[in-house]
């Protein structure tokens, strides 16, 4: 009897080991998106998830090194600083209180860039506008048209000039204010990943997070990296291109209103809120693409231009000369038109060319 019992125990142990081996094998065969890696003759392609969206990274490396784990770890720390969706992130802690002493290296640089662009755009870019975006129904509660009393009350808590900071901390002049870096953080994340790769000796790369990009060097063909700009059509295919841009050591970001909106009483309500009025913008600019030295700057300006509209966007770019733009807008008859600043024209092409 004891011999049979011992055999049953041995069989049970062997069965458990086999189950464990099969499980581990399947886990390795079914890698999550974060671990997808492709290598082709010195070109490495990585894909994964971050910031509620996806990232795609291409770089040339004769050693074909896989930096997936390091990049994922880097982005985890980045989000722990600047995400509004992580309850204990530095940004969430600041929004719940009035003062934050920096513990991670990302909060101060994004404040510094935000202040510069807030001032240059005369408030069109404003990371304190988040509560108004939520008020108009682009937050968790969904579409709800709000009355002017509520809007005016929230407007009192909007204005990046009411946020003060130094090298050690940031605080609110007016209690109850709320910071949201969603219009600049993805671009900043792109720069952080690109800088990491360059520190590893990677000279040729293309980093993209949620549609925001930075390119350095050339692709595997020895040409400038080329990226597409979508047609700004509500019902068009997501991969339908209006134009193509060759990036020469630049960051690029595109912002648009043509898909993120809802209708109320026959009126389209855009997700782009004017921080000055507290209300959705209403103009003919459909898409704003910005090229700048870094993606964080491009990301913020793309948002600001969508607030300003076509004419003011063109005027700002001409006066500043700090970035290049490609705008798609609708004319008085509803036809799509475009405008390209002088610096972007040599790098621009169109699918029908």
Protein backbone atom coordinates (compact mmCIF):
# COMPACT_ATOMS: atom_id res chain seq x y z
CA UNK A 1 0.00 0.00 0.00
CA UNK A 2 2.81 2.40 0.93
CA UNK A 3 4.46 1.70 -2.44
CA UNK A 4 1.29 2.71 -4.34
CA UNK A 5 0.94 5.81 -2.22
CA UNK A 6 4.52 6.81 -2.96
CA UNK A 7 3.91 6.25 -6.67
CA UNK A 8 0.82 8.48 -6.57
CA UNK A 9 2.81 11.24 -4.89
CA UNK A 10 5.57 10.96 -7.50
CA UNK A 11 3.04 11.04 -10.35
CA UNK A 12 1.37 14.11 -8.84
CA UNK A 13 4.70 15.93 -8.56
CA UNK A 14 5.60 15.05 -12.17
CA UNK A 15 2.17 16.27 -13.36
CA UNK A 16 2.58 19.59 -11.54
CA UNK A 17 6.03 20.05 -13.06
CA UNK A 18 4.67 19.38 -16.55
CA UNK A 19 1.84 21.90 -16.02
CA UNK A 20 4.38 24.49 -14.84
CA UNK A 21 6.65 23.84 -17.84
CA UNK A 22 3.75 24.19 -20.30
CA UNK A 23 2.59 27.41 -18.60
CA UNK A 24 6.06 28.98 -18.78
CA UNK A 25 6.43 27.90 -22.40
CA UNK A 26 3.12 29.53 -23.35
CA UNK A 27 4.02 32.70 -21.48
CA UNK A 28 7.26 32.97 -23.47
CA UNK A 29 5.46 32.25 -26.75
CA UNK A 30 2.69 34.80 -26.07
CA UNK A 31 4.71 37.87 -25.23
CA UNK A 32 2.79 41.04 -24.38
CA UNK A 33 3.02 44.10 -26.59
CA UNK A 34 5.59 45.64 -24.25
CA UNK A 35 8.08 42.92 -25.14
CA UNK A 36 7.68 42.84 -28.92
CA UNK A 37 11.10 43.09 -30.57
CA UNK A 38 12.14 42.77 -34.21
CA UNK A 39 15.72 42.77 -35.45
CA UNK A 40 16.72 43.03 -39.10
CA UNK A 41 20.33 43.53 -40.16
CA UNK A 42 21.21 46.15 -37.59
CA UNK A 43 17.74 47.72 -37.33
CA UNK A 44 15.84 47.13 -34.09
CA UNK A 45 12.10 47.74 -33.71
CA UNK A 46 10.42 47.85 -30.29
CA UNK A 47 6.72 48.23 -29.52
CA UNK A 48 4.85 48.51 -26.26
CA UNK A 49 2.29 50.34 -24.12
CA UNK A 50 2.61 53.50 -22.07
CA UNK A 51 0.57 56.57 -21.04
CA UNK A 52 -2.69 54.92 -22.11
CA UNK A 53 -1.39 54.55 -25.66
CA UNK A 54 1.40 52.74 -27.52
CA UNK A 55 5.02 53.36 -28.33
CA UNK A 56 6.99 52.36 -31.42
CA UNK A 57 10.76 52.72 -31.52
CA UNK A 58 13.16 52.12 -34.40
CA UNK A 59 16.91 52.47 -34.20
CA UNK A 60 20.07 51.30 -35.93
CA UNK A 61 22.54 49.37 -33.84
CA UNK A 62 25.27 47.08 -35.17
CA UNK A 63 25.05 45.12 -31.90
CA UNK A 64 21.24 44.85 -32.24
CA UNK A 65 20.80 45.52 -28.53
CA UNK A 66 17.35 45.18 -27.01
CA UNK A 67 16.60 48.07 -24.63
CA UNK A 68 12.98 47.11 -23.99
CA UNK A 69 13.35 46.46 -20.25
CA UNK A 70 15.30 49.66 -19.67
CA UNK A 71 12.83 51.76 -21.68
CA UNK A 72 9.82 50.26 -19.89
CA UNK A 73 11.46 50.94 -16.52
CA UNK A 74 12.28 54.49 -17.58
CA UNK A 75 8.69 55.15 -18.65
CA UNK A 76 7.34 53.69 -15.40
CA UNK A 77 9.38 56.22 -13.44
CA UNK A 78 8.34 58.97 -15.86
CA UNK A 79 4.65 58.16 -15.31
CA UNK A 80 5.19 57.96 -11.56
CA UNK A 81 6.14 61.62 -11.80
CA UNK A 82 3.67 63.08 -14.33
CA UNK A 83 0.62 60.82 -14.69
CA UNK A 84 -2.80 62.01 -13.52
CA UNK A 85 -4.01 58.39 -13.56
CA UNK A 86 -1.59 57.14 -10.89
CA UNK A 87 -3.02 58.15 -7.47
CA UNK A 88 0.36 58.53 -5.78
CA UNK A 89 2.29 60.08 -8.68
CA UNK A 90 4.05 63.36 -7.97
CA UNK A 91 1.50 65.19 -10.12
CA UNK A 92 -1.44 63.57 -8.30
CA UNK A 93 0.10 64.45 -4.95
CA UNK A 94 0.44 68.07 -6.06
CA UNK A 95 -3.14 68.22 -7.34
CA UNK A 96 -4.42 66.94 -3.99
CA UNK A 97 -2.37 69.45 -2.02
CA UNK A 98 -0.82 72.86 -2.56
CA UNK A 99 2.95 72.24 -2.53
CA UNK A 100 5.25 69.51 -3.83
CA UNK A 101 8.96 69.00 -3.26
CA UNK A 102 10.46 67.27 -6.29
CA UNK A 103 11.68 63.71 -5.83
CA UNK A 104 12.03 62.67 -9.48
CA UNK A 105 13.85 64.50 -12.30
CA UNK A 106 10.90 65.11 -14.66
CA UNK A 107 8.57 67.58 -12.93
CA UNK A 108 10.84 70.64 -13.00
CA UNK A 109 11.77 70.52 -16.72
CA UNK A 110 8.13 70.21 -17.81
CA UNK A 111 7.20 73.17 -15.60
CA UNK A 112 10.01 75.24 -17.12
CA UNK A 113 8.99 74.47 -20.70
CA UNK A 114 5.31 75.00 -19.89
CA UNK A 115 6.03 78.45 -18.48
CA UNK A 116 7.99 79.54 -21.56
CA UNK A 117 5.33 78.32 -24.02
CA UNK A 118 2.47 79.67 -21.86
CA UNK A 119 4.03 83.13 -22.05
CA UNK A 120 4.92 83.01 -25.76
CA UNK A 121 1.39 81.86 -26.70
CA UNK A 122 -0.21 84.36 -24.30
CA UNK A 123 -1.98 81.58 -22.43
CA UNK A 124 -3.19 79.51 -25.39
CA UNK A 125 -1.10 76.68 -23.95
CA UNK A 126 -2.05 76.25 -20.29
CA UNK A 127 -1.60 73.04 -18.24
CA UNK A 128 -4.14 74.31 -15.67
CA UNK A 129 -7.04 74.05 -18.17
CA UNK A 130 -7.75 70.39 -17.26
CA UNK A 131 -10.80 71.09 -15.05
CA UNK A 132 -12.46 72.94 -17.95
CA UNK A 133 -11.79 70.01 -20.27
CA UNK A 134 -13.52 67.74 -17.74
CA UNK A 135 -16.33 70.25 -17.26
CA UNK A 136 -17.15 70.11 -20.97
CA UNK A 137 -17.47 66.36 -20.87
CA UNK A 138 -14.10 65.06 -22.06
CA UNK A 139 -13.31 63.52 -18.71
CA UNK A 140 -14.54 60.31 -17.03
CA UNK A 141 -18.17 61.49 -16.73
CA UNK A 142 -18.72 61.81 -20.48
CA UNK A 143 -20.41 64.52 -22.55
CA UNK A 144 -22.38 67.12 -20.61
CA UNK A 145 -22.98 70.68 -21.72
CA UNK A 146 -22.33 73.00 -18.78
CA UNK A 147 -23.81 76.39 -17.93
CA UNK A 148 -21.80 79.61 -17.85
CA UNK A 149 -21.91 79.92 -14.04
CA UNK A 150 -19.97 76.68 -13.66
CA UNK A 151 -17.53 77.71 -16.36
CA UNK A 152 -16.85 81.09 -14.79
CA UNK A 153 -16.27 79.47 -11.41
CA UNK A 154 -13.70 77.07 -12.84
CA UNK A 155 -12.03 79.87 -14.82
CA UNK A 156 -10.92 81.38 -11.52
CA UNK A 157 -8.70 78.31 -11.05
CA UNK A 158 -7.14 78.53 -14.52
CA UNK A 159 -3.91 80.34 -15.28
CA UNK A 160 -0.39 78.93 -15.26
CA UNK A 161 0.88 82.24 -13.86
CA UNK A 162 -0.72 81.15 -10.58
CA UNK A 163 1.75 78.23 -10.38
CA UNK A 164 5.14 79.16 -8.89
CA UNK A 165 8.22 76.98 -8.65
CA UNK A 166 11.95 76.91 -8.09
CA UNK A 167 14.58 74.19 -8.40
CA UNK A 168 13.26 72.35 -5.32
CA UNK A 169 9.48 72.67 -5.27
CA UNK A 170 6.24 73.87 -6.87
CA UNK A 171 3.19 75.44 -5.23
CA UNK A 172 -0.20 76.93 -6.05
CA UNK A 173 -0.99 80.59 -5.43
CA UNK A 174 -4.69 79.73 -5.49
CA UNK A 175 -5.80 76.55 -3.63
CA UNK A 176 -7.82 74.07 -5.65
CA UNK A 177 -5.90 74.47 -8.90
CA UNK A 178 -5.24 71.36 -10.97
CA UNK A 179 -2.30 70.63 -13.27
CA UNK A 180 -2.61 68.32 -16.26
CA UNK A 181 0.34 67.84 -18.63
CA UNK A 182 -1.52 65.67 -21.17
CA UNK A 183 -0.83 68.24 -23.91
CA UNK A 184 2.94 68.09 -23.40
CA UNK A 185 3.84 64.91 -21.48
CA UNK A 186 3.82 62.49 -24.41
CA UNK A 187 6.24 64.71 -26.30
CA UNK A 188 8.43 64.95 -23.21
CA UNK A 189 8.36 61.16 -22.85
CA UNK A 190 9.51 60.82 -26.46
CA UNK A 191 12.48 63.08 -25.71
CA UNK A 192 13.35 61.14 -22.56
CA UNK A 193 13.45 57.84 -24.47
CA UNK A 194 15.42 59.36 -27.36
CA UNK A 195 17.97 60.85 -24.95
CA UNK A 196 18.35 57.48 -23.24
CA UNK A 197 19.08 55.76 -26.56
CA UNK A 198 21.55 58.44 -27.59
CA UNK A 199 23.35 58.03 -24.26
CA UNK A 200 23.75 54.37 -25.23
CA UNK A 201 25.51 55.38 -28.42
CA UNK A 202 22.50 55.16 -30.75
CA UNK A 203 22.80 57.91 -33.35
CA UNK A 204 20.02 56.93 -35.77
CA UNK A 205 16.56 56.55 -34.27
CA UNK A 206 12.85 57.26 -34.56
CA UNK A 207 10.83 57.28 -31.33
CA UNK A 208 7.02 57.57 -31.33
CA UNK A 209 4.56 57.65 -28.44
CA UNK A 210 0.88 58.11 -29.26
CA UNK A 211 1.61 59.90 -32.52
CA UNK A 212 4.29 62.27 -31.18
CA UNK A 213 7.77 61.66 -32.58
CA UNK A 214 11.43 62.54 -32.54
CA UNK A 215 13.93 61.57 -35.23
CA UNK A 216 17.69 61.61 -35.11
CA UNK A 217 20.05 60.70 -37.93
CA UNK A 218 18.85 58.47 -40.78
CA UNK A 219 17.00 55.21 -41.39
CA UNK A 220 18.46 51.90 -42.59
CA UNK A 221 18.49 53.21 -46.19
CA UNK A 222 20.60 56.20 -45.23
CA UNK A 223 17.64 58.55 -45.76
CA UNK A 224 15.89 60.94 -43.40
CA UNK A 225 13.12 59.30 -41.38
CA UNK A 226 9.73 59.96 -43.02
CA UNK A 227 6.40 60.14 -41.16
CA UNK A 228 2.85 60.74 -42.33
CA UNK A 229 0.26 63.36 -41.46
CA UNK A 230 -3.30 62.02 -41.46
CA UNK A 231 -6.16 63.46 -43.45
CA UNK A 232 -8.35 65.37 -40.95
CA UNK A 233 -11.61 63.65 -41.81
CA UNK A 234 -14.16 62.54 -39.24
CA UNK A 235 -15.05 59.29 -41.01
CA UNK A 236 -11.81 58.76 -42.92
CA UNK A 237 -9.45 55.84 -42.50
CA UNK A 238 -6.97 56.26 -39.65
CA UNK A 239 -4.11 55.47 -42.03
CA UNK A 240 -5.21 57.84 -44.83
CA UNK A 241 -2.35 60.31 -45.34
CA UNK A 242 -2.60 63.93 -46.40
CA UNK A 243 1.15 64.53 -46.52
CA UNK A 244 4.55 63.11 -45.56
CA UNK A 245 7.34 64.88 -43.68
CA UNK A 246 11.05 64.03 -43.67
CA UNK A 247 12.45 64.78 -40.21
CA UNK A 248 15.98 66.17 -39.92
CA UNK A 249 16.94 65.78 -36.25
CA UNK A 250 13.59 67.15 -35.07
CA UNK A 251 10.61 66.47 -32.88
CA UNK A 252 7.13 66.44 -34.42
CA UNK A 253 3.63 66.58 -32.95
CA UNK A 254 0.17 66.86 -34.47
CA UNK A 255 -3.00 68.03 -32.77
CA UNK A 256 -6.52 68.05 -34.22
CA UNK A 257 -10.22 68.36 -33.45
CA UNK A 258 -11.72 66.34 -36.27
CA UNK A 259 -12.27 63.10 -34.33
CA UNK A 260 -12.39 64.01 -30.63
CA UNK A 261 -15.72 65.81 -30.29
CA UNK A 262 -19.38 65.21 -29.52
CA UNK A 263 -22.62 66.82 -30.65
CA UNK A 264 -25.20 68.55 -28.47
CA UNK A 265 -28.28 70.23 -29.92
CA UNK A 266 -26.81 69.92 -33.40
CA UNK A 267 -23.62 71.71 -32.31
CA UNK A 268 -20.18 70.09 -32.44
CA UNK A 269 -18.35 70.41 -29.14
CA UNK A 270 -14.57 70.26 -29.64
CA UNK A 271 -12.21 68.78 -27.03
CA UNK A 272 -9.88 71.79 -27.46
CA UNK A 273 -10.86 74.32 -24.80
CA UNK A 274 -9.78 77.96 -24.93
CA UNK A 275 -8.27 78.73 -21.51
CA UNK A 276 -9.23 82.41 -21.87
CA UNK A 277 -12.96 81.84 -22.42
CA UNK A 278 -13.44 78.43 -20.84
CA UNK A 279 -15.31 77.27 -23.93
CA UNK A 280 -14.54 74.96 -26.88
CA UNK A 281 -12.83 76.58 -29.83
CA UNK A 282 -14.87 77.26 -32.94
CA UNK A 283 -12.75 77.90 -36.01
CA UNK A 284 -11.69 76.30 -39.30
CA UNK A 285 -8.32 74.85 -38.22
CA UNK A 286 -8.60 71.05 -38.35
CA UNK A 287 -5.03 69.88 -37.79
CA UNK A 288 -1.80 71.50 -36.62
CA UNK A 289 1.57 69.80 -37.09
CA UNK A 290 4.63 71.35 -35.47
CA UNK A 291 8.32 70.60 -36.01
CA UNK A 292 10.74 71.75 -33.32
CA UNK A 293 14.15 70.87 -31.91
CA UNK A 294 12.49 68.56 -29.37
CA UNK A 295 9.16 66.79 -29.16
CA UNK A 296 8.06 68.34 -25.86
CA UNK A 297 8.14 71.79 -27.48
CA UNK A 298 6.37 70.54 -30.63
CA UNK A 299 3.66 68.86 -28.55
CA UNK A 300 2.85 71.98 -26.55
CA UNK A 301 2.82 74.32 -29.55
CA UNK A 302 0.58 71.95 -31.55
CA UNK A 303 -2.02 72.23 -28.77
CA UNK A 304 -1.64 76.01 -28.55
CA UNK A 305 -2.12 76.46 -32.30
CA UNK A 306 -5.37 74.48 -32.19
CA UNK A 307 -6.60 76.96 -29.58
CA UNK A 308 -5.46 79.98 -31.60
CA UNK A 309 -6.85 79.06 -35.01
CA UNK A 310 -5.33 79.29 -38.49
CA UNK A 311 -4.53 83.01 -38.83
CA UNK A 312 -3.11 83.49 -35.35
CA UNK A 313 -1.12 80.26 -35.65
CA UNK A 314 0.54 81.50 -38.84
CA UNK A 315 1.22 84.88 -37.27
CA UNK A 316 2.81 83.32 -34.17
CA UNK A 317 5.12 81.09 -36.22
CA UNK A 318 6.26 83.97 -38.41
CA UNK A 319 6.91 86.24 -35.43
CA UNK A 320 8.74 83.63 -33.33
CA UNK A 321 10.55 81.49 -35.89
CA UNK A 322 11.13 78.89 -33.16
CA UNK A 323 9.33 76.08 -34.95
CA UNK A 324 7.87 75.07 -38.30
CA UNK A 325 4.21 74.34 -39.00
CA UNK A 326 1.94 72.50 -41.39
CA UNK A 327 -1.73 73.39 -40.98
CA UNK A 328 -4.78 71.77 -42.54
CA UNK A 329 -7.97 73.84 -42.48
CA UNK A 330 -11.31 74.12 -44.23
CA UNK A 331 -12.12 77.09 -46.46
CA UNK A 332 -15.46 78.87 -46.72
CA UNK A 333 -16.80 76.13 -48.99
CA UNK A 334 -15.71 73.31 -46.68
CA UNK A 335 -12.79 72.20 -48.89
CA UNK A 336 -9.54 71.07 -47.29
CA UNK A 337 -6.66 73.54 -47.65
CA UNK A 338 -3.17 73.55 -46.18
CA UNK A 339 -0.46 75.97 -45.15
CA UNK A 340 3.24 75.15 -44.79
CA UNK A 341 5.83 77.45 -43.24
CA UNK A 342 8.95 78.10 -45.31
CA UNK A 343 11.23 75.89 -43.21
CA UNK A 344 9.11 72.78 -43.63
CA UNK A 345 8.46 73.05 -47.37
CA UNK A 346 11.69 71.33 -48.55
CA UNK A 347 10.88 68.31 -46.36
CA UNK A 348 7.24 68.00 -47.34
CA UNK A 349 5.73 65.66 -49.93
CA UNK A 350 2.24 64.43 -50.78
CA UNK A 351 1.07 60.87 -51.53
CA UNK A 352 -0.17 61.86 -54.99
CA UNK A 353 3.24 63.36 -55.91
